[in-house]
C-alpha atoms as a PDB file:
ATOM      1  CA  MET A   1      -0.194  -0.034  -0.017  1.00  0.00           C
ATOM      2  CA  THR A   2       1.129   3.445  -1.171  1.00  0.00           C
ATOM      3  CA  ILE A   3       0.934   6.538   1.661  1.00  0.00           C
ATOM      4  CA  GLN A   4      -1.286   8.576  -0.488  1.00  0.00           C
ATOM      5  CA  SER A   5      -4.363   8.131   1.415  1.00  0.00           C
ATOM      6  CA  LEU A   6      -2.260   9.200   4.646  1.00  0.00           C
ATOM      7  CA  ILE A   7      -0.700  12.236   3.318  1.00  0.00           C
ATOM      8  CA  THR A   8      -1.395  15.340   5.707  1.00  0.00           C
ATOM      9  CA  LYS A   9      -2.697  18.052   3.242  1.00  0.00           C
ATOM     10  CA  GLN A  10      -4.005  20.542   6.268  1.00  0.00           C
ATOM     11  CA  TYR A  11      -1.024  21.843   7.851  1.00  0.00           C
ATOM     12  CA  THR A  12       0.204  24.631   9.927  1.00  0.00           C
ATOM     13  CA  ILE A  13       2.577  27.102   7.908  1.00  0.00           C
ATOM     14  CA  ILE A  14       5.150  29.368   9.002  1.00  0.00           C
ATOM     15  CA  ASP A  15       7.187  32.071   7.414  1.00  0.00           C
ATOM     16  CA  ALA A  16      10.972  31.240   7.092  1.00  0.00           C
ATOM     17  CA  TYR A  17      11.928  34.299   8.396  1.00  0.00           C
ATOM     18  CA  ALA A  18       9.633  33.898  11.877  1.00  0.00           C
ATOM     19  CA  GLY A  19      11.403  34.220  15.146  1.00  0.00           C
ATOM     20  CA  THR A  20      12.126  30.830  16.840  1.00  0.00           C
ATOM     21  CA  VAL A  21      10.049  31.974  19.890  1.00  0.00           C
ATOM     22  CA  TYR A  22       6.943  31.988  17.536  1.00  0.00           C
ATOM     23  CA  ALA A  23       7.591  28.601  16.039  1.00  0.00           C
ATOM     24  CA  THR A  24       7.965  27.040  19.265  1.00  0.00           C
ATOM     25  CA  ASP A  25       4.321  28.366  20.363  1.00  0.00           C
ATOM     26  CA  LEU A  26       2.724  27.055  17.106  1.00  0.00           C
ATOM     27  CA  LEU A  27       4.887  23.695  18.142  1.00  0.00           C
ATOM     28  CA  ARG A  28       2.538  23.781  21.146  1.00  0.00           C
ATOM     29  CA  THR A  29      -0.464  22.676  19.171  1.00  0.00           C
ATOM     30  CA  ALA A  30       1.218  21.204  15.841  1.00  0.00           C
ATOM     31  CA  ASP A  31       3.393  18.531  15.571  1.00  0.00           C
ATOM     32  CA  VAL A  32       4.883  19.546  12.523  1.00  0.00           C
ATOM     33  CA  LEU A  33       5.162  23.071  10.592  1.00  0.00           C
ATOM     34  CA  VAL A  34       5.502  23.646   6.455  1.00  0.00           C
ATOM     35  CA  VAL A  35       8.031  26.679   6.501  1.00  0.00           C
ATOM     36  CA  ILE A  36       7.124  28.930   3.638  1.00  0.00           C
ATOM     37  CA  GLU A  37       9.673  31.250   1.738  1.00  0.00           C
ATOM     38  CA  ASN A  38       7.854  33.714  -0.965  1.00  0.00           C
ATOM     39  CA  GLU A  39       4.490  31.782  -0.609  1.00  0.00           C
ATOM     40  CA  ARG A  40       6.526  28.429  -1.555  1.00  0.00           C
ATOM     41  CA  PRO A  41       6.897  25.583   0.814  1.00  0.00           C
ATOM     42  CA  ILE A  42      10.713  24.935   1.345  1.00  0.00           C
ATOM     43  CA  GLY A  43      10.772  22.385   4.247  1.00  0.00           C
ATOM     44  CA  ILE A  44       9.210  21.024   7.500  1.00  0.00           C
ATOM     45  CA  LEU A  45       9.957  22.429  10.917  1.00  0.00           C
ATOM     46  CA  THR A  46       9.773  19.910  14.071  1.00  0.00           C
ATOM     47  CA  ALA A  47      10.380  20.321  17.970  1.00  0.00           C
ATOM     48  CA  SER A  48      13.492  18.503  17.344  1.00  0.00           C
ATOM     49  CA  ASP A  49      15.031  20.974  14.640  1.00  0.00           C
ATOM     50  CA  LEU A  50      14.244  23.601  17.263  1.00  0.00           C
ATOM     51  CA  ALA A  51      16.322  21.875  19.878  1.00  0.00           C
ATOM     52  CA  MET A  52      19.123  20.767  18.126  1.00  0.00           C
ATOM     53  CA  LYS A  53      19.860  24.275  16.093  1.00  0.00           C
ATOM     54  CA  ARG A  54      19.200  26.910  18.527  1.00  0.00           C
ATOM     55  CA  HIS A  55      18.909  29.902  16.120  1.00  0.00           C
ATOM     56  CA  GLN A  56      16.716  32.961  16.226  1.00  0.00           C
ATOM     57  CA  VAL A  57      14.964  32.849  12.918  1.00  0.00           C
ATOM     58  CA  VAL A  58      13.354  29.642  11.453  1.00  0.00           C
ATOM     59  CA  VAL A  59      14.925  29.175   8.461  1.00  0.00           C
ATOM     60  CA  ASP A  60      18.408  28.448  10.042  1.00  0.00           C
ATOM     61  CA  CYS A  61      16.710  25.715  11.989  1.00  0.00           C
ATOM     62  CA  LEU A  62      15.608  23.915   9.300  1.00  0.00           C
ATOM     63  CA  GLY A  63      16.601  20.150   9.192  1.00  0.00           C
ATOM     64  CA  GLN A  64      17.682  18.376   6.133  1.00  0.00           C
ATOM     65  CA  TRP A  65      14.871  16.187   5.882  1.00  0.00           C
ATOM     66  CA  PRO A  66      14.478  13.876   2.588  1.00  0.00           C
ATOM     67  CA  SER A  67      11.324  14.256   0.941  1.00  0.00           C
ATOM     68  CA  VAL A  68       9.132  11.170  -0.440  1.00  0.00           C
ATOM     69  CA  THR A  69       6.855  10.881  -3.136  1.00  0.00           C
ATOM     70  CA  SER A  70       3.150  10.200  -2.626  1.00  0.00           C
ATOM     71  CA  ASN A  71       3.324   6.579  -4.494  1.00  0.00           C
ATOM     72  CA  GLU A  72       5.856   5.319  -2.341  1.00  0.00           C
ATOM     73  CA  SER A  73       5.045   2.355   0.141  1.00  0.00           C
ATOM     74  CA  VAL A  74       4.086   2.678   3.518  1.00  0.00           C
ATOM     75  CA  SER A  75       7.077   0.126   4.525  1.00  0.00           C
ATOM     76  CA  SER A  76       9.894   2.069   2.821  1.00  0.00           C
ATOM     77  CA  VAL A  77       8.567   5.359   3.908  1.00  0.00           C
ATOM     78  CA  LEU A  78       9.004   3.928   7.635  1.00  0.00           C
ATOM     79  CA  THR A  79      12.638   2.671   6.656  1.00  0.00           C
ATOM     80  CA  ARG A  80      13.284   5.683   5.453  1.00  0.00           C
ATOM     81  CA  MET A  81      12.009   7.691   8.710  1.00  0.00           C
ATOM     82  CA  LYS A  82      13.838   4.883  10.772  1.00  0.00           C
ATOM     83  CA  ALA A  83      17.268   5.663   8.931  1.00  0.00           C
ATOM     84  CA  THR A  84      17.127   9.391   9.573  1.00  0.00           C
ATOM     85  CA  GLY A  85      15.366   9.924  13.114  1.00  0.00           C
ATOM     86  CA  ALA A  86      12.399  11.619  11.155  1.00  0.00           C
ATOM     87  CA  THR A  87       8.782  11.707  12.688  1.00  0.00           C
ATOM     88  CA  ALA A  88       7.484  13.463   9.692  1.00  0.00           C
ATOM     89  CA  LEU A  89       8.570  13.872   6.045  1.00  0.00           C
ATOM     90  CA  PRO A  90       7.622  16.373   3.282  1.00  0.00           C
ATOM     91  CA  VAL A  91       5.971  15.037   0.481  1.00  0.00           C
ATOM     92  CA  THR A  92       6.247  15.809  -3.315  1.00  0.00           C
ATOM     93  CA  CYS A  93       4.304  14.832  -6.437  1.00  0.00           C
ATOM     94  CA  LYS A  94       5.404  15.701  -9.847  1.00  0.00           C
ATOM     95  CA  GLY A  95       8.483  17.409  -8.409  1.00  0.00           C
ATOM     96  CA  SER A  96       6.085  19.924  -6.026  1.00  0.00           C
ATOM     97  CA  PHE A  97       5.260  20.217  -2.661  1.00  0.00           C
ATOM     98  CA  TYR A  98       1.946  17.790  -1.815  1.00  0.00           C
ATOM     99  CA  GLY A  99       1.620  17.436   1.681  1.00  0.00           C
ATOM    100  CA  ILE A 100       3.280  16.175   5.068  1.00  0.00           C
ATOM    101  CA  ILE A 101       3.618  12.131   5.842  1.00  0.00           C
ATOM    102  CA  LYS A 102       3.711  11.708   9.989  1.00  0.00           C
ATOM    103  CA  GLN A 103       5.234   8.361  11.536  1.00  0.00           C
ATOM    104  CA  ILE A 104       2.305   8.410  13.838  1.00  0.00           C
ATOM    105  CA  ASP A 105      -0.299   8.034  11.085  1.00  0.00           C
ATOM    106  CA  LEU A 106       1.713   5.176   9.531  1.00  0.00           C
ATOM    107  CA  LEU A 107       2.032   3.435  12.618  1.00  0.00           C
ATOM    108  CA  THR A 108      -1.548   3.809  13.762  1.00  0.00           C
ATOM    109  CA  HIS A 109      -2.548   2.525   9.976  1.00  0.00           C
ATOM    110  CA  LEU A 110      -0.580  -0.495  10.305  1.00  0.00           C
ATOM    111  CA  HIS A 111      -2.031  -1.232  13.826  1.00  0.00           C
ATOM    112  CA  ILE A 112      -5.391  -0.669  12.637  1.00  0.00           C
ATOM    113  CA  ASP A 113      -4.635  -2.902   9.471  1.00  0.00           C
ATOM    114  CA  HIS A 114      -3.089  -5.654  11.606  1.00  0.00           C
ATOM    115  CA  GLU A 115      -6.038  -5.977  13.975  1.00  0.00           C
ATOM    116  CA  LYS A 116      -8.142  -6.308  10.851  1.00  0.00           C
ATOM    117  CA  GLN A 117      -6.143  -8.912   9.820  1.00  0.00           C
ATOM    118  CA  ARG A 118      -5.974 -10.554  12.993  1.00  0.00           C
ATOM    119  CA  ALA A 119      -9.799 -10.760  13.360  1.00  0.00           C
ATOM    120  CA  ALA A 120     -10.452 -11.858   9.858  1.00  0.00           C
ATOM    121  CA  LEU A 121      -7.599 -14.815  10.807  1.00  0.00           C
ATOM    122  CA  LEU A 122      -9.408 -15.554  14.311  1.00  0.00           C
ATOM    123  CA  ALA A 123     -12.871 -15.791  12.401  1.00  0.00           C
ATOM    124  CA  ALA A 124     -11.447 -18.105   9.642  1.00  0.00           C
ATOM    125  CA  ALA A 125      -9.865 -20.271  12.378  1.00  0.00           C
ATOM    126  CA  HIS A 126     -12.784 -20.703  14.345  1.00  0.00           C
ATOM    127  CA  ASP A 127     -15.312 -21.321  11.442  1.00  0.00           C
ATOM    128  CA  LEU A 128     -13.026 -23.903   9.996  1.00  0.00           C
ATOM    129  CA  ARG A 129     -12.965 -26.026  13.188  1.00  0.00           C
ATOM    130  CA  SER A 130     -16.632 -27.597  12.620  1.00  0.00           C
ATOM    131  CA  PRO A 131     -15.954 -28.753   8.789  1.00  0.00           C
ATOM    132  CA  ILE A 132     -12.694 -30.161   9.760  1.00  0.00           C
ATOM    133  CA  ALA A 133     -14.366 -32.215  12.598  1.00  0.00           C
ATOM    134  CA  SER A 134     -17.036 -33.220  10.174  1.00  0.00           C
ATOM    135  CA  ILE A 135     -14.530 -34.532   8.102  1.00  0.00           C
ATOM    136  CA  THR A 136     -12.730 -36.222  10.630  1.00  0.00           C
ATOM    137  CA  MET A 137     -15.813 -37.967  11.891  1.00  0.00           C
ATOM    138  CA  LEU A 138     -16.686 -39.386   8.009  1.00  0.00           C
ATOM    139  CA  GLY A 139     -13.092 -40.670   7.968  1.00  0.00           C
ATOM    140  CA  THR A 140     -14.031 -42.635  10.937  1.00  0.00           C
ATOM    141  CA  ILE A 141     -16.772 -44.023   9.284  1.00  0.00           C
ATOM    142  CA  LEU A 142     -15.137 -44.710   6.134  1.00  0.00           C
ATOM    143  CA  LYS A 143     -12.303 -46.538   7.945  1.00  0.00           C
ATOM    144  CA  ALA A 144     -15.073 -48.911   9.791  1.00  0.00           C
ATOM    145  CA  ASP A 145     -16.521 -50.049   6.246  1.00  0.00           C
ATOM    146  CA  PRO A 146     -15.162 -53.533   5.310  1.00  0.00           C
ATOM    147  CA  ALA A 147     -16.070 -52.745   1.788  1.00  0.00           C
ATOM    148  CA  LEU A 148     -13.391 -50.144   1.838  1.00  0.00           C
ATOM    149  CA  HIS A 149     -10.624 -52.135   3.244  1.00  0.00           C
ATOM    150  CA  LYS A 150      -8.162 -51.460  -0.036  1.00  0.00           C
ATOM    151  CA  HIS A 151      -8.519 -47.861   0.354  1.00  0.00           C
ATOM    152  CA  GLN A 152      -7.561 -47.638   4.218  1.00  0.00           C
ATOM    153  CA  GLU A 153      -4.251 -46.250   3.294  1.00  0.00           C
ATOM    154  CA  LEU A 154      -5.974 -43.013   1.507  1.00  0.00           C
ATOM    155  CA  ILE A 155      -8.350 -42.857   4.436  1.00  0.00           C
ATOM    156  CA  ALA A 156      -5.357 -42.915   6.853  1.00  0.00           C
ATOM    157  CA  LYS A 157      -3.925 -39.960   5.206  1.00  0.00           C
ATOM    158  CA  LEU A 158      -7.367 -38.290   5.274  1.00  0.00           C
ATOM    159  CA  ALA A 159      -7.318 -38.762   8.949  1.00  0.00           C
ATOM    160  CA  GLU A 160      -3.532 -37.500   9.350  1.00  0.00           C
ATOM    161  CA  SER A 161      -4.534 -34.370   7.360  1.00  0.00           C
ATOM    162  CA  CYS A 162      -7.266 -33.290   9.373  1.00  0.00           C
ATOM    163  CA  ASP A 163      -5.636 -34.102  12.597  1.00  0.00           C
ATOM    164  CA  TYR A 164      -2.750 -31.481  11.045  1.00  0.00           C
ATOM    165  CA  ALA A 165      -5.463 -28.942  10.022  1.00  0.00           C
ATOM    166  CA  GLN A 166      -6.961 -29.199  13.971  1.00  0.00           C
ATOM    167  CA  VAL A 167      -3.549 -28.550  15.111  1.00  0.00           C
ATOM    168  CA  LEU A 168      -2.721 -25.814  12.802  1.00  0.00           C
ATOM    169  CA  ILE A 169      -6.292 -24.209  13.853  1.00  0.00           C
ATOM    170  CA  GLN A 170      -5.437 -24.419  17.526  1.00  0.00           C
ATOM    171  CA  ASP A 171      -1.885 -22.961  17.122  1.00  0.00           C
ATOM    172  CA  ILE A 172      -3.865 -19.865  15.010  1.00  0.00           C
ATOM    173  CA  LEU A 173      -6.328 -19.700  18.014  1.00  0.00           C
ATOM    174  CA  ASN A 174      -3.462 -19.917  20.528  1.00  0.00           C
ATOM    175  CA  THR A 175      -1.100 -17.391  18.999  1.00  0.00           C
ATOM    176  CA  GLU A 176      -3.743 -14.488  17.987  1.00  0.00           C
ATOM    177  CA  ARG A 177      -5.266 -14.639  21.430  1.00  0.00           C
ATOM    178  CA  SER A 178      -2.150 -14.884  23.574  1.00  0.00           C
ATOM    179  CA  PRO A 179      -1.296 -11.155  23.079  1.00  0.00           C
ATOM    180  CA  THR A 180      -4.634  -9.858  24.456  1.00  0.00           C
ATOM    181  CA  GLU A 181      -5.253 -12.164  26.979  1.00  0.00           C
ATOM    182  CA  LYS A 182      -4.917 -11.163  30.617  1.00  0.00           C
ATOM    183  CA  LEU A 183      -2.527 -13.151  32.665  1.00  0.00           C
ATOM    184  CA  VAL A 184      -3.950 -14.969  35.486  1.00  0.00           C
ATOM    185  CA  LEU A 185      -0.977 -15.175  37.920  1.00  0.00           C
ATOM    186  CA  THR A 186      -0.536 -17.874  40.819  1.00  0.00           C
ATOM    187  CA  THR A 187       2.430 -18.707  42.729  1.00  0.00           C
ATOM    188  CA  GLU A 188       3.936 -22.370  41.781  1.00  0.00           C
ATOM    189  CA  ASN A 189       6.507 -24.409  42.376  1.00  0.00           C
ATOM    190  CA  ILE A 190       8.539 -24.544  38.894  1.00  0.00           C
ATOM    191  CA  ASP A 191       9.735 -28.106  39.494  1.00  0.00           C
ATOM    192  CA  GLN A 192       6.350 -29.543  40.186  1.00  0.00           C
ATOM    193  CA  LEU A 193       4.829 -27.352  37.171  1.00  0.00           C
ATOM    194  CA  VAL A 194       7.196 -29.009  34.709  1.00  0.00           C
ATOM    195  CA  GLU A 195       6.434 -32.495  36.307  1.00  0.00           C
ATOM    196  CA  GLU A 196       3.195 -32.087  35.492  1.00  0.00           C
ATOM    197  CA  CYS A 197       3.757 -31.163  31.851  1.00  0.00           C
ATOM    198  CA  THR A 198       5.643 -34.291  31.152  1.00  0.00           C
ATOM    199  CA  THR A 199       2.658 -36.939  32.361  1.00  0.00           C
ATOM    200  CA  SER A 200       0.713 -35.712  29.099  1.00  0.00           C
ATOM    201  CA  LEU A 201       3.590 -36.558  26.739  1.00  0.00           C
ATOM    202  CA  SER A 202       4.267 -40.227  27.598  1.00  0.00           C
ATOM    203  CA  GLU A 203       2.430 -41.773  24.322  1.00  0.00           C
ATOM    204  CA  GLN A 204       4.616 -39.395  22.164  1.00  0.00           C
ATOM    205  CA  LEU A 205       7.777 -40.398  24.111  1.00  0.00           C
ATOM    206  CA  ASP A 206       7.153 -43.987  23.612  1.00  0.00           C
ATOM    207  CA  SER A 207       6.112 -43.855  19.919  1.00  0.00           C
ATOM    208  CA  LYS A 208       9.688 -42.631  19.183  1.00  0.00           C
ATOM    209  CA  GLN A 209      11.165 -44.724  22.198  1.00  0.00           C
ATOM    210  CA  LEU A 210      12.570 -41.717  23.680  1.00  0.00           C
ATOM    211  CA  THR A 211      14.031 -41.425  27.237  1.00  0.00           C
ATOM    212  CA  LEU A 212      13.135 -38.559  28.975  1.00  0.00           C
ATOM    213  CA  SER A 213      15.838 -37.301  31.979  1.00  0.00           C
ATOM    214  CA  LYS A 214      14.514 -35.033  34.558  1.00  0.00           C
ATOM    215  CA  GLN A 215      16.721 -33.099  36.582  1.00  0.00           C
ATOM    216  CA  LEU A 216      14.328 -30.775  38.325  1.00  0.00           C
ATOM    217  CA  TYR A 217      16.225 -29.476  41.128  1.00  0.00           C
ATOM    218  CA  SER A 218      15.494 -25.832  41.754  1.00  0.00           C
ATOM    219  CA  ASN A 219      12.807 -25.689  44.232  1.00  0.00           C
ATOM    220  CA  LEU A 220      11.941 -22.088  43.632  1.00  0.00           C
ATOM    221  CA  HIS A 221       8.592 -20.774  43.178  1.00  0.00           C
ATOM    222  CA  VAL A 222       7.782 -18.368  40.313  1.00  0.00           C
ATOM    223  CA  LYS A 223       4.454 -16.119  39.653  1.00  0.00           C
ATOM    224  CA  VAL A 224       3.153 -17.258  36.539  1.00  0.00           C
ATOM    225  CA  ASP A 225      -0.270 -17.901  34.556  1.00  0.00           C
ATOM    226  CA  ARG A 226       0.386 -21.871  34.945  1.00  0.00           C
ATOM    227  CA  HIS A 227      -1.982 -22.641  32.014  1.00  0.00           C
ATOM    228  CA  LYS A 228      -0.063 -20.322  29.694  1.00  0.00           C
ATOM    229  CA  LEU A 229       3.431 -21.525  30.874  1.00  0.00           C
ATOM    230  CA  LYS A 230       2.671 -25.053  30.782  1.00  0.00           C
ATOM    231  CA  ARG A 231       1.714 -24.517  27.046  1.00  0.00           C
ATOM    232  CA  ALA A 232       5.028 -23.052  26.467  1.00  0.00           C
ATOM    233  CA  ILE A 233       6.653 -25.803  28.131  1.00  0.00           C
ATOM    234  CA  ASN A 234       4.699 -28.493  26.258  1.00  0.00           C
ATOM    235  CA  ASN A 235       5.595 -26.714  22.795  1.00  0.00           C
ATOM    236  CA  MET A 236       9.282 -27.011  23.613  1.00  0.00           C
ATOM    237  CA  LEU A 237       9.157 -30.628  24.656  1.00  0.00           C
ATOM    238  CA  SER A 238       7.065 -31.315  21.585  1.00  0.00           C
ATOM    239  CA  ASN A 239       9.293 -29.618  19.382  1.00  0.00           C
ATOM    240  CA  SER A 240      12.333 -31.901  20.856  1.00  0.00           C
ATOM    241  CA  ILE A 241      10.283 -34.980  20.489  1.00  0.00           C
ATOM    242  CA  LYS A 242       9.542 -34.139  16.750  1.00  0.00           C
ATOM    243  CA  PHE A 243      13.053 -33.843  16.184  1.00  0.00           C
ATOM    244  CA  SER A 244      14.919 -36.587  17.721  1.00  0.00           C
ATOM    245  CA  HIS A 245      15.642 -39.652  16.569  1.00  0.00           C
ATOM    246  CA  PRO A 246      13.992 -43.013  17.667  1.00  0.00           C
ATOM    247  CA  GLY A 247      15.901 -43.873  21.062  1.00  0.00           C
ATOM    248  CA  GLY A 248      17.209 -40.534  21.562  1.00  0.00           C
ATOM    249  CA  THR A 249      17.381 -38.774  25.148  1.00  0.00           C
ATOM    250  CA  ILE A 250      15.547 -35.466  26.035  1.00  0.00           C
ATOM    251  CA  THR A 251      16.953 -33.516  29.030  1.00  0.00           C
ATOM    252  CA  LEU A 252      14.577 -31.383  31.065  1.00  0.00           C
ATOM    253  CA  SER A 253      16.484 -29.707  33.971  1.00  0.00           C
ATOM    254  CA  THR A 254      15.716 -26.391  36.284  1.00  0.00           C
ATOM    255  CA  ARG A 255      18.318 -24.604  38.297  1.00  0.00           C
ATOM    256  CA  ALA A 256      18.249 -21.376  40.499  1.00  0.00           C
ATOM    257  CA  ALA A 257      19.886 -18.662  38.405  1.00  0.00           C
ATOM    258  CA  PRO A 258      22.004 -15.343  39.531  1.00  0.00           C
ATOM    259  CA  GLY A 259      19.546 -12.262  40.231  1.00  0.00           C
ATOM    260  CA  ASP A 260      16.713 -14.039  41.871  1.00  0.00           C
ATOM    261  CA  ARG A 261      15.979 -16.051  38.627  1.00  0.00           C
ATOM    262  CA  VAL A 262      15.475 -19.710  37.463  1.00  0.00           C
ATOM    263  CA  PHE A 263      16.499 -21.570  34.513  1.00  0.00           C
ATOM    264  CA  LEU A 264      14.601 -23.901  32.609  1.00  0.00           C
ATOM    265  CA  VAL A 265      16.214 -26.126  29.917  1.00  0.00           C
ATOM    266  CA  VAL A 266      15.226 -28.658  27.527  1.00  0.00           C
ATOM    267  CA  ARG A 267      17.848 -30.526  25.595  1.00  0.00           C
ATOM    268  CA  ASP A 268      17.731 -32.995  23.300  1.00  0.00           C
ATOM    269  CA  ASN A 269      20.385 -34.911  20.838  1.00  0.00           C
ATOM    270  CA  GLY A 270      18.343 -34.857  17.888  1.00  0.00           C
ATOM    271  CA  ILE A 271      19.049 -33.398  14.258  1.00  0.00           C
ATOM    272  CA  GLY A 272      19.554 -29.879  15.722  1.00  0.00           C
ATOM    273  CA  ILE A 273      18.785 -26.683  13.951  1.00  0.00           C
ATOM    274  CA  PRO A 274      21.170 -25.500  11.062  1.00  0.00           C
ATOM    275  CA  LYS A 275      22.694 -22.080  11.001  1.00  0.00           C
ATOM    276  CA  HIS A 276      20.842 -20.558   8.307  1.00  0.00           C
ATOM    277  CA  MET A 277      17.578 -21.349  10.108  1.00  0.00           C
ATOM    278  CA  ARG A 278      18.544 -20.103  13.751  1.00  0.00           C
ATOM    279  CA  GLU A 279      17.820 -16.465  13.351  1.00  0.00           C
ATOM    280  CA  ARG A 280      14.280 -17.035  12.285  1.00  0.00           C
ATOM    281  CA  ILE A 281      13.274 -19.909  14.475  1.00  0.00           C
ATOM    282  CA  PHE A 282      11.017 -17.903  16.807  1.00  0.00           C
ATOM    283  CA  ASP A 283       9.384 -15.687  13.738  1.00  0.00           C
ATOM    284  CA  LYS A 284       5.656 -16.266  13.425  1.00  0.00           C
ATOM    285  CA  PHE A 285       4.833 -18.252  10.719  1.00  0.00           C
ATOM    286  CA  THR A 286       8.555 -18.788  10.184  1.00  0.00           C
ATOM    287  CA  LYS A 287       9.719 -20.267   7.183  1.00  0.00           C
ATOM    288  CA  ALA A 288      12.474 -22.007   9.319  1.00  0.00           C
ATOM    289  CA  ARG A 289      10.872 -25.470   9.517  1.00  0.00           C
ATOM    290  CA  ARG A 290      10.846 -28.715   8.312  1.00  0.00           C
ATOM    291  CA  PRO A 291       9.284 -32.266   8.770  1.00  0.00           C
ATOM    292  CA  GLY A 292       9.934 -34.276  12.340  1.00  0.00           C
ATOM    293  CA  THR A 293      12.345 -37.250  11.984  1.00  0.00           C
ATOM    294  CA  ALA A 294       9.311 -39.398  11.639  1.00  0.00           C
ATOM    295  CA  GLY A 295       7.628 -37.190   9.029  1.00  0.00           C
ATOM    296  CA  GLU A 296       5.684 -34.891  11.885  1.00  0.00           C
ATOM    297  CA  PRO A 297       4.252 -31.861   9.895  1.00  0.00           C
ATOM    298  CA  THR A 298       5.078 -28.219  11.785  1.00  0.00           C
ATOM    299  CA  THR A 299       2.647 -25.073  11.926  1.00  0.00           C
ATOM    300  CA  GLY A 300       5.452 -22.746  12.156  1.00  0.00           C
ATOM    301  CA  LEU A 301       3.796 -21.329  15.172  1.00  0.00           C
ATOM    302  CA  GLY A 302       4.813 -23.230  18.419  1.00  0.00           C
ATOM    303  CA  LEU A 303       8.073 -21.746  19.104  1.00  0.00           C
ATOM    304  CA  TYR A 304       6.693 -18.081  18.487  1.00  0.00           C
ATOM    305  CA  LEU A 305       3.893 -18.726  20.681  1.00  0.00           C
ATOM    306  CA  THR A 306       6.419 -20.038  23.403  1.00  0.00           C
ATOM    307  CA  LYS A 307       8.575 -16.917  23.044  1.00  0.00           C
ATOM    308  CA  THR A 308       5.423 -14.972  23.460  1.00  0.00           C
ATOM    309  CA  ILE A 309       4.533 -16.419  26.560  1.00  0.00           C
ATOM    310  CA  VAL A 310       7.777 -16.282  28.263  1.00  0.00           C
ATOM    311  CA  GLU A 311       8.352 -12.789  27.583  1.00  0.00           C
ATOM    312  CA  SER A 312       4.956 -11.756  28.859  1.00  0.00           C
ATOM    313  CA  HIS A 313       6.022 -13.307  31.994  1.00  0.00           C
ATOM    314  CA  GLY A 314       9.281 -11.215  32.203  1.00  0.00           C
ATOM    315  CA  GLY A 315      11.610 -13.953  30.974  1.00  0.00           C
ATOM    316  CA  THR A 316      13.600 -14.691  28.002  1.00  0.00           C
ATOM    317  CA  ILE A 317      14.049 -17.928  25.816  1.00  0.00           C
ATOM    318  CA  GLU A 318      17.229 -18.657  24.210  1.00  0.00           C
ATOM    319  CA  MET A 319      18.486 -21.391  21.734  1.00  0.00           C
ATOM    320  CA  GLU A 320      21.554 -23.353  21.097  1.00  0.00           C
ATOM    321  CA  SER A 321      22.458 -25.518  18.368  1.00  0.00           C
ATOM    322  CA  ASP A 322      25.410 -26.978  16.543  1.00  0.00           C
ATOM    323  CA  GLY A 323      23.280 -28.099  13.847  1.00  0.00           C
ATOM    324  CA  GLU A 324      24.162 -31.600  13.996  1.00  0.00           C
ATOM    325  CA  THR A 325      23.788 -33.144  17.505  1.00  0.00           C
ATOM    326  CA  GLY A 326      21.214 -31.743  19.167  1.00  0.00           C
ATOM    327  CA  THR A 327      19.262 -28.547  20.419  1.00  0.00           C
ATOM    328  CA  SER A 328      18.704 -26.822  23.681  1.00  0.00           C
ATOM    329  CA  PHE A 329      16.084 -24.230  24.710  1.00  0.00           C
ATOM    330  CA  ILE A 330      17.128 -22.093  27.833  1.00  0.00           C
ATOM    331  CA  VAL A 331      14.378 -20.178  29.660  1.00  0.00           C
ATOM    332  CA  SER A 332      15.136 -17.419  32.228  1.00  0.00           C
ATOM    333  CA  LEU A 333      12.102 -16.587  34.336  1.00  0.00           C
ATOM    334  CA  PRO A 334      12.065 -14.259  37.744  1.00  0.00           C
ATOM    335  CA  ALA A 335      11.780 -16.316  40.628  1.00  0.00           C
END
């Protein structure tokens, strides 16, 4: 999208040779002024310009702000503003002054646009749950029909696809709802909370003949939203299970850390994360994804959601991997 519809054409003007005291008064109600010389705009003036150049006349205080054209994209103009430190830039059209583009207007537009997309995504994900559930039920009926015995492989593929769709839908719902949901904080023993998370994973561990080693020695308490933090821990454990070879080992540990914090570490000896994927592993809908060692699909949302949850608790999460002999996720939380 271009900046065309966001350009401010109603603005406050000031003569180039007016005094800076007058300009300061105008900037109490206007965040940017258009400077005029011989009835022609020659630049813009902001409060930061006056602060940086303490002169008596407006024209001597003008900053060297680059102009942008009315057909430039929102993202390119924001990039220009970030590079120059500008909060507003002059806009030209066919070589002539056209108006002002303000950073606050661009950011507000992006926020509103993001909220619209988020609402649409939530609605679509929610509406898809029922038809996917119906397809799953039909697959179960077909699987029980002796006449369709020779098609069991196709029916199994149908069930597998539905299972993945349900996981993806739930991940989308969790991801989009999580930032706006209030934390329901309770005081929890971190070792006990982690222990609870392991009980629901026994089937996944057994299916790949994985050994789970628990070293829960912190005996510290944390103030957390237990439902959300358990979701984050389960995401990390499921990720390790997915990318471990059959017969591998996953180590889950807690320990006290400096600064009244606690470390939670999930370590596996699986296939690791290649170097080119590491920087984007926590991105939303990340492209740094691949099937698990048994062909398990990934949604690209699990680690993004985990990072969001951990950071909402005042924590941090880091990943370590040599790309060959496993991966470690290290979570630090205030104790």
